[in-house]
Amino acid sequence: MPARPKHLYGRGEIARRLGVSRQRAGDIIDRPDFPAPYDVLGMGAVWRIADVERWIANHRPHLGEPEGE
């Protein structure tokens, strides 16, 4: 299995980062204030980690910094 790019999140990574289910992550991703995807691949949309982390800092500051960063 290839390593995940260090600058992108998929829906699963967003769900884990937010501590929610993939279904709930989909609801959040669909919000108008959530960043637009960086690209859409065969496996689905991907987002720049920096864009998602900026959104988290503004909308879910209690989550703090991602682990391992």
Protein backbone atom coordinates (compact mmCIF):
# COMPACT_ATOMS: atom_id res chain seq x y z
CA MET A 1 0.00 0.00 0.00
CA PRO A 2 1.50 3.37 -0.99
CA ALA A 3 2.13 5.95 1.70
CA ARG A 4 -0.40 8.78 2.03
CA PRO A 5 0.90 12.06 0.59
CA LYS A 6 2.07 14.23 3.46
CA HIS A 7 0.17 17.28 2.23
CA LEU A 8 -3.27 15.80 1.45
CA TYR A 9 -6.26 14.48 3.39
CA GLY A 10 -8.99 12.27 2.01
CA ARG A 11 -12.40 11.87 3.60
CA GLY A 12 -11.14 9.14 5.95
CA GLU A 13 -8.29 11.28 7.23
CA ILE A 14 -10.65 14.20 7.74
CA ALA A 15 -13.02 11.95 9.71
CA ARG A 16 -10.16 10.71 11.92
CA ARG A 17 -8.82 14.22 12.41
CA LEU A 18 -12.25 15.51 13.47
CA GLY A 19 -13.00 12.42 15.56
CA VAL A 20 -16.21 11.68 13.67
CA SER A 21 -17.59 8.96 11.41
CA ARG A 22 -16.97 9.06 7.66
CA GLN A 23 -20.68 9.81 7.22
CA ARG A 24 -20.51 12.79 9.58
CA ALA A 25 -17.30 13.93 7.87
CA GLY A 26 -19.25 13.94 4.61
CA ASP A 27 -21.83 16.25 6.18
CA ILE A 28 -19.07 18.60 7.32
CA ILE A 29 -17.27 18.47 3.96
CA ASP A 30 -20.54 19.49 2.26
CA ARG A 31 -20.82 22.66 4.37
CA PRO A 32 -20.39 25.85 2.35
CA ASP A 33 -17.69 27.09 4.76
CA PHE A 34 -15.53 23.95 4.38
CA PRO A 35 -12.61 24.30 1.95
CA ALA A 36 -13.15 23.15 -1.61
CA PRO A 37 -11.31 19.96 -2.56
CA TYR A 38 -7.83 20.38 -4.02
CA ASP A 39 -8.60 17.68 -6.59
CA VAL A 40 -10.93 14.77 -7.27
CA LEU A 41 -9.27 11.43 -7.96
CA GLY A 42 -10.67 8.01 -8.76
CA MET A 43 -10.81 7.27 -5.02
CA GLY A 44 -12.60 10.53 -4.28
CA ALA A 45 -11.86 14.11 -3.36
CA VAL A 46 -8.68 15.21 -1.60
CA TRP A 47 -7.97 18.38 0.36
CA ARG A 48 -4.76 20.19 1.21
CA ILE A 49 -3.97 19.51 4.84
CA ALA A 50 -3.14 23.20 5.35
CA ASP A 51 -6.62 24.23 4.16
CA VAL A 52 -8.37 21.69 6.40
CA GLU A 53 -6.20 22.59 9.41
CA ARG A 54 -6.98 26.29 8.89
CA TRP A 55 -10.70 25.42 8.88
CA ILE A 56 -10.26 23.35 12.04
CA ALA A 57 -8.41 26.20 13.77
CA ASN A 58 -11.32 28.53 12.98
CA HIS A 59 -14.27 26.17 13.52
CA ARG A 60 -13.03 23.44 15.89
CA PRO A 61 -10.17 25.06 17.86
CA HIS A 62 -10.66 22.60 20.73
CA LEU A 63 -9.14 19.89 18.48
CA GLY A 64 -5.74 21.61 18.58
CA GLU A 65 -2.84 20.55 16.39
CA PRO A 66 -2.80 17.19 14.60
CA GLU A 67 -0.88 14.44 16.39
CA GLY A 68 2.62 13.84 15.14
CA GLU A 69 3.01 17.33 13.72
